[in-house]
Protein backbone atom coordinates (compact mmCIF):
# COMPACT_ATOMS: atom_id res chain seq x y z
CA LEU A 1 0.00 0.00 0.00
CA ARG A 2 1.11 3.54 -0.70
CA VAL A 3 2.57 5.51 2.19
CA ILE A 4 0.19 8.26 3.34
CA ARG A 5 1.63 11.26 5.18
CA ILE A 6 -0.58 13.61 7.20
CA ILE A 7 0.13 16.54 9.51
CA ALA A 8 -2.20 17.45 12.39
CA ILE A 9 -2.30 20.96 13.85
CA GLY A 10 -4.71 22.78 16.11
CA ASP A 11 -5.51 26.11 17.70
CA THR A 12 -3.62 27.90 14.97
CA GLY A 13 -5.68 31.05 14.53
CA GLU A 14 -3.41 33.77 15.89
CA GLY A 15 -1.50 34.88 12.81
CA ASN A 16 1.54 35.31 15.04
CA ALA A 17 5.24 34.51 14.70
CA ALA A 18 4.83 31.10 16.34
CA GLN A 19 2.20 30.08 13.79
CA HIS A 20 4.60 31.00 10.99
CA GLN A 21 7.44 29.08 12.64
CA VAL A 22 5.30 25.96 12.95
CA ALA A 23 4.25 26.37 9.31
CA ASP A 24 7.91 26.56 8.25
CA ARG A 25 8.67 23.29 10.05
CA MET A 26 5.58 21.65 8.54
CA SER A 27 6.76 22.64 5.08
CA GLU A 28 10.25 21.33 5.74
CA LYS A 29 8.91 18.03 7.05
CA CYS A 30 6.73 17.53 3.99
CA ILE A 31 9.69 18.21 1.69
CA GLU A 32 11.90 15.87 3.73
CA VAL A 33 9.50 12.92 3.45
CA GLY A 34 8.68 13.43 -0.22
CA GLY A 35 5.36 15.21 0.12
CA CYS A 36 2.33 15.25 2.42
CA HIS A 37 -1.15 14.17 1.41
CA ALA A 38 -3.14 16.30 3.86
CA VAL A 39 -3.14 18.57 6.88
CA ILE A 40 -5.92 18.22 9.43
CA MET A 41 -6.84 21.27 11.52
CA ASN A 42 -8.33 20.54 14.92
CA GLY A 43 -10.27 23.78 15.34
CA ASP A 44 -9.92 27.27 16.75
CA ASN A 45 -8.78 28.27 13.31
CA PHE A 46 -9.50 31.98 13.95
CA TYR A 47 -9.17 33.70 17.32
CA ASP A 48 -11.06 35.09 19.06
CA HIS A 49 -14.48 34.96 17.41
CA GLY A 50 -14.13 33.12 14.11
CA VAL A 51 -14.58 34.84 10.74
CA VAL A 52 -17.75 36.75 9.95
CA ASP A 53 -17.83 35.93 6.23
CA THR A 54 -15.74 34.66 3.32
CA SER A 55 -14.14 38.06 2.77
CA ASP A 56 -13.11 38.57 6.40
CA ALA A 57 -9.66 40.16 6.58
CA GLN A 58 -8.43 37.34 8.84
CA TRP A 59 -8.34 34.77 6.04
CA GLY A 60 -5.01 36.10 4.81
CA PRO A 61 -2.88 36.58 7.94
CA LYS A 62 -4.29 33.62 9.88
CA PHE A 63 -4.50 30.99 7.14
CA GLU A 64 -3.43 31.76 3.58
CA GLN A 65 -0.18 33.56 4.42
CA PRO A 66 1.20 31.29 7.15
CA TYR A 67 0.70 28.17 5.05
CA ASP A 68 1.95 29.65 1.79
CA ARG A 69 5.06 27.48 1.96
CA PRO A 70 6.79 25.35 -0.70
CA GLY A 71 6.23 22.05 1.07
CA LEU A 72 2.54 22.81 1.60
CA SER A 73 1.77 23.82 -1.97
CA GLY A 74 -1.17 21.82 -3.26
CA VAL A 75 -1.71 20.07 0.08
CA PRO A 76 -5.37 20.09 1.18
CA PHE A 77 -6.11 21.38 4.69
CA TYR A 78 -9.12 19.60 6.23
CA ALA A 79 -10.50 21.77 9.04
CA VAL A 80 -13.09 21.36 11.78
CA LEU A 81 -14.67 23.99 14.01
CA GLY A 82 -13.50 24.91 17.50
CA ASN A 83 -15.36 26.85 20.16
CA HIS A 84 -13.80 30.14 19.03
CA ASP A 85 -14.85 29.43 15.43
CA HIS A 86 -18.49 29.33 16.49
CA GLY A 87 -18.18 32.94 17.60
CA PRO A 88 -20.57 34.58 20.06
CA SER A 89 -23.65 32.57 20.94
CA SER A 90 -26.06 32.10 18.02
CA SER A 91 -24.02 34.39 15.77
CA GLY A 92 -23.92 31.87 12.93
CA VAL A 93 -20.34 32.76 11.97
CA ARG A 94 -19.32 29.11 11.64
CA GLN A 95 -21.00 28.96 8.22
CA ALA A 96 -18.36 31.32 6.80
CA GLN A 97 -15.66 28.66 7.13
CA ILE A 98 -17.83 26.18 5.26
CA ASP A 99 -18.70 28.71 2.56
CA TYR A 100 -15.04 29.62 2.03
CA SER A 101 -14.44 26.07 0.77
CA ARG A 102 -16.84 26.74 -2.11
CA LEU A 103 -15.22 29.90 -3.44
CA PRO A 104 -13.35 29.74 -6.74
CA VAL A 105 -9.59 30.10 -6.55
CA GLY A 106 -7.91 33.15 -7.99
CA GLY A 107 -7.46 35.85 -5.40
CA GLY A 108 -9.85 38.38 -6.94
CA PRO A 109 -13.14 39.66 -5.50
CA GLY A 110 -15.33 36.77 -4.40
CA MET A 111 -12.41 34.36 -4.75
CA ARG A 112 -9.93 32.74 -2.40
CA VAL A 113 -6.17 32.90 -2.73
CA SER A 114 -5.54 29.14 -2.77
CA GLY A 115 -7.48 25.91 -2.84
CA LYS A 116 -5.99 24.65 0.42
CA TRP A 117 -8.98 25.16 2.70
CA HIS A 118 -11.50 22.31 2.94
CA MET A 119 -14.53 22.29 5.23
CA PRO A 120 -17.43 20.92 3.19
CA ALA A 121 -19.70 20.78 6.25
CA SER A 122 -19.48 21.08 10.02
CA TYR A 123 -18.88 17.32 10.07
CA TYR A 124 -17.70 15.19 7.17
CA ASP A 125 -15.32 12.45 6.11
CA VAL A 126 -12.61 12.09 3.49
CA ARG A 127 -10.72 8.99 2.43
CA ILE A 128 -7.11 8.99 1.26
CA ARG A 129 -6.50 5.46 -0.01
CA HIS A 130 -6.26 3.23 3.09
CA VAL A 131 -6.66 6.12 5.56
CA HIS A 132 -10.15 7.42 6.35
CA LEU A 133 -10.50 10.77 8.15
CA PHE A 134 -13.66 11.77 10.02
CA GLY A 135 -13.98 15.43 11.05
CA ILE A 136 -16.54 16.29 13.73
CA ASP A 137 -17.96 19.42 15.38
CA THR A 138 -17.54 18.89 19.12
CA VAL A 139 -19.15 22.25 19.95
CA ASP A 140 -22.45 21.00 18.55
CA PHE A 141 -22.39 17.95 20.80
CA THR A 142 -26.15 17.82 21.35
CA SER A 143 -26.72 16.88 17.70
CA SER A 144 -27.95 13.30 17.60
CA GLU A 145 -27.94 13.62 13.82
CA GLN A 146 -24.18 14.16 13.79
CA ALA A 147 -23.51 11.34 16.24
CA ASN A 148 -25.68 8.85 14.37
CA ASP A 149 -24.46 9.87 10.93
CA MET A 150 -20.76 9.83 11.75
CA ARG A 151 -20.98 6.64 13.80
CA ALA A 152 -22.52 4.95 10.78
CA ARG A 153 -19.81 6.31 8.47
CA VAL A 154 -17.04 5.02 10.73
CA ALA A 155 -18.70 1.62 11.04
CA ALA A 156 -19.25 1.32 7.29
CA SER A 157 -15.67 2.15 6.35
CA ASP A 158 -13.40 -0.69 5.29
CA ALA A 159 -10.28 1.48 5.44
CA MET A 160 -7.28 0.02 7.22
CA TRP A 161 -6.90 3.18 9.31
CA LYS A 162 -9.71 5.32 10.71
CA ILE A 163 -8.85 8.65 12.35
CA VAL A 164 -11.50 10.86 13.97
CA PHE A 165 -10.54 14.49 14.55
CA GLY A 166 -12.39 17.19 16.46
CA HIS A 167 -11.66 20.14 18.69
CA HIS A 168 -12.36 19.11 22.29
CA PRO A 169 -10.31 16.27 23.78
CA ARG A 170 -11.86 13.27 25.47
CA PHE A 171 -8.90 12.82 27.82
CA THR A 172 -6.25 15.43 28.56
CA SER A 173 -3.47 16.37 30.95
CA GLY A 174 -3.74 19.96 29.79
CA ALA A 175 -5.37 22.99 31.36
CA HIS A 176 -8.86 21.92 30.30
CA PHE A 177 -8.62 18.86 32.52
CA HIS A 178 -10.01 21.08 35.25
CA ASP A 179 -13.17 22.25 33.52
CA ASN A 180 -16.24 20.50 32.26
CA GLU A 181 -14.92 20.41 28.72
CA GLY A 182 -11.94 18.38 29.87
CA ILE A 183 -13.37 15.84 32.27
CA GLY A 184 -17.08 16.16 33.00
CA ALA A 185 -19.03 17.16 29.89
CA SER A 186 -20.88 13.87 29.64
CA GLY A 187 -23.07 14.96 26.74
CA MET A 188 -20.03 15.85 24.68
CA PHE A 189 -18.29 12.63 25.67
CA ASP A 190 -21.28 10.52 24.69
CA MET A 191 -21.23 12.09 21.23
CA GLN A 192 -17.47 11.69 20.86
CA ARG A 193 -17.50 8.07 21.98
CA ALA A 194 -20.33 7.18 19.64
CA ILE A 195 -18.07 8.21 16.77
CA TYR A 196 -14.49 7.41 17.80
CA CYS A 197 -15.22 4.01 19.32
CA GLY A 198 -14.80 2.38 15.93
CA ALA A 199 -11.65 4.32 15.07
CA ASP A 200 -7.95 3.79 15.68
CA MET A 201 -7.33 7.29 17.01
CA TYR A 202 -9.17 10.37 18.19
CA MET A 203 -7.12 13.50 17.45
CA SER A 204 -8.09 16.80 19.07
CA GLY A 205 -6.89 20.27 20.04
CA HIS A 206 -8.33 22.82 22.52
CA ASP A 207 -5.53 22.25 25.00
CA HIS A 208 -2.45 24.02 23.69
CA ASN A 209 -0.08 21.12 24.00
CA LEU A 210 1.08 17.93 22.34
CA GLU A 211 -0.03 14.69 24.00
CA LEU A 212 -0.49 11.00 23.27
CA ILE A 213 -2.56 8.72 25.49
CA ASP A 214 -2.35 4.96 25.08
CA LYS A 215 -5.22 2.82 23.87
CA GLY A 216 -7.29 1.31 26.65
CA ARG A 217 -7.88 4.67 28.32
CA ASP A 218 -11.55 4.37 27.40
CA GLU A 219 -12.42 0.86 28.51
CA ARG A 220 -15.47 0.80 26.26
CA CYS A 221 -13.26 1.54 23.24
CA PRO A 222 -10.09 -0.44 24.03
CA ASP A 223 -8.44 -0.05 20.63
CA THR A 224 -8.59 3.76 20.34
CA TYR A 225 -5.56 5.99 20.96
CA PHE A 226 -6.04 9.63 22.00
CA ALA A 227 -3.80 12.40 20.69
CA ILE A 228 -3.78 16.17 21.15
CA SER A 229 -2.17 18.57 18.71
CA GLY A 230 -3.31 22.00 19.83
CA ALA A 231 -0.05 23.94 19.84
CA GLY A 232 -0.19 25.42 16.36
CA SER A 233 0.26 29.02 17.51
CA LYS A 234 0.58 29.09 21.31
CA THR A 235 0.99 26.98 24.43
CA ARG A 236 -0.63 26.85 27.84
CA SER A 237 0.80 25.31 31.00
CA SER A 238 -1.22 22.96 33.18
CA SER A 239 -1.32 21.88 36.80
CA ALA A 240 -3.37 18.79 35.96
CA PRO A 241 -2.02 15.37 36.93
CA PRO A 242 -0.59 13.25 34.10
CA ASP A 243 -3.15 10.99 32.51
CA PRO A 244 -2.71 7.42 33.83
CA ARG A 245 -2.00 6.09 30.33
CA GLN A 246 -0.05 9.07 29.07
CA LEU A 247 2.77 8.19 26.67
CA PHE A 248 3.96 11.72 25.94
CA TYR A 249 3.12 15.26 26.97
CA THR A 250 4.57 18.73 26.51
CA HIS A 251 3.30 22.28 26.72
CA ALA A 252 6.76 23.79 26.47
CA THR A 253 6.77 24.61 22.79
CA GLU A 254 4.49 25.15 19.82
CA GLY A 255 4.48 22.36 17.26
CA PHE A 256 2.54 19.74 15.32
CA ALA A 257 1.93 16.02 14.90
CA TYR A 258 3.16 14.05 11.90
CA LEU A 259 1.43 10.78 11.00
CA GLN A 260 2.82 8.36 8.42
CA PHE A 261 0.69 5.37 7.44
CA GLU A 262 2.41 2.48 5.68
CA GLY A 263 0.28 -0.64 5.39
CA ASP A 264 -0.67 -1.72 8.89
CA ARG A 265 1.95 0.53 10.51
CA LEU A 266 1.55 4.08 11.78
CA LEU A 267 4.48 6.29 12.70
CA LEU A 268 3.50 9.26 14.87
CA GLN A 269 5.90 12.08 15.67
CA PHE A 270 5.54 15.30 17.62
CA ILE A 271 7.75 18.04 16.16
CA ASP A 272 8.33 21.47 17.67
CA LYS A 273 8.60 24.90 16.06
CA ASP A 274 12.39 24.55 15.87
CA GLY A 275 12.15 21.26 13.98
CA ALA A 276 13.16 19.01 16.86
CA VAL A 277 11.46 15.61 16.96
CA LEU A 278 10.18 15.49 20.53
CA TYR A 279 8.63 12.03 20.45
CA THR A 280 8.20 9.08 18.09
CA LYS A 281 5.73 6.23 18.46
CA GLY A 282 5.20 3.25 16.18
CA ILE A 283 1.75 1.67 16.17
CA THR A 284 0.76 -1.54 14.40
CA ARG A 285 -2.84 -2.52 13.81
């Protein structure tokens, strides 16, 4: 089977120097390995209140410009919504990120600069050969339609690898361990579990760190790993205790996750904004 290479980033939407540094290292990694097939974005794509429409001035400095790098040219970015992307309550701004996907490419009025951005709906799936990606909207966790639809899509897939990605983590040693989003939001967790239970990994952001938690953490879904890549533009320290099945954790530096799928083997790396490989884990199905 062909090798599939994917980068996972989250909480990128600052447009700051750190976001550009992470983007540089992403580009270099993709060039080093011979090209990446996709980037998944784990939400909070635009701080602090999302984008109001498809012509919002933030599209350039917080997305198009940082990722205008040689190694990312032509690479699709598959994004999901974070809590900041939903904007103020009932504002409806989340639709702008979906609508941006539908604009023609060209850079003129009513057009987008590149074709990188992909968010066909608030939840969706995309298959890249033997890797199947399932993007979910964890902010809209009361939607039984989303839970039922995406659970069915995961179950129906015959892909060798199934990766669910959303904004809020299910388990975390980060700062959000202490609030309801991190440990006690049972409604959100029910929705997440309904979808990720049939997958090999649930990748999230929200906490501004890099973390990998071993499979078996959720006893009802014993084959699912949990990863966090939410350090795409900033970090946040935490006083939370380490997760009991934690394999790796850092909040010390901005960075990203690199996932390489080759047959029944997955290589996961966490790489910081200076290009240092902080952690490597091999997983076999």
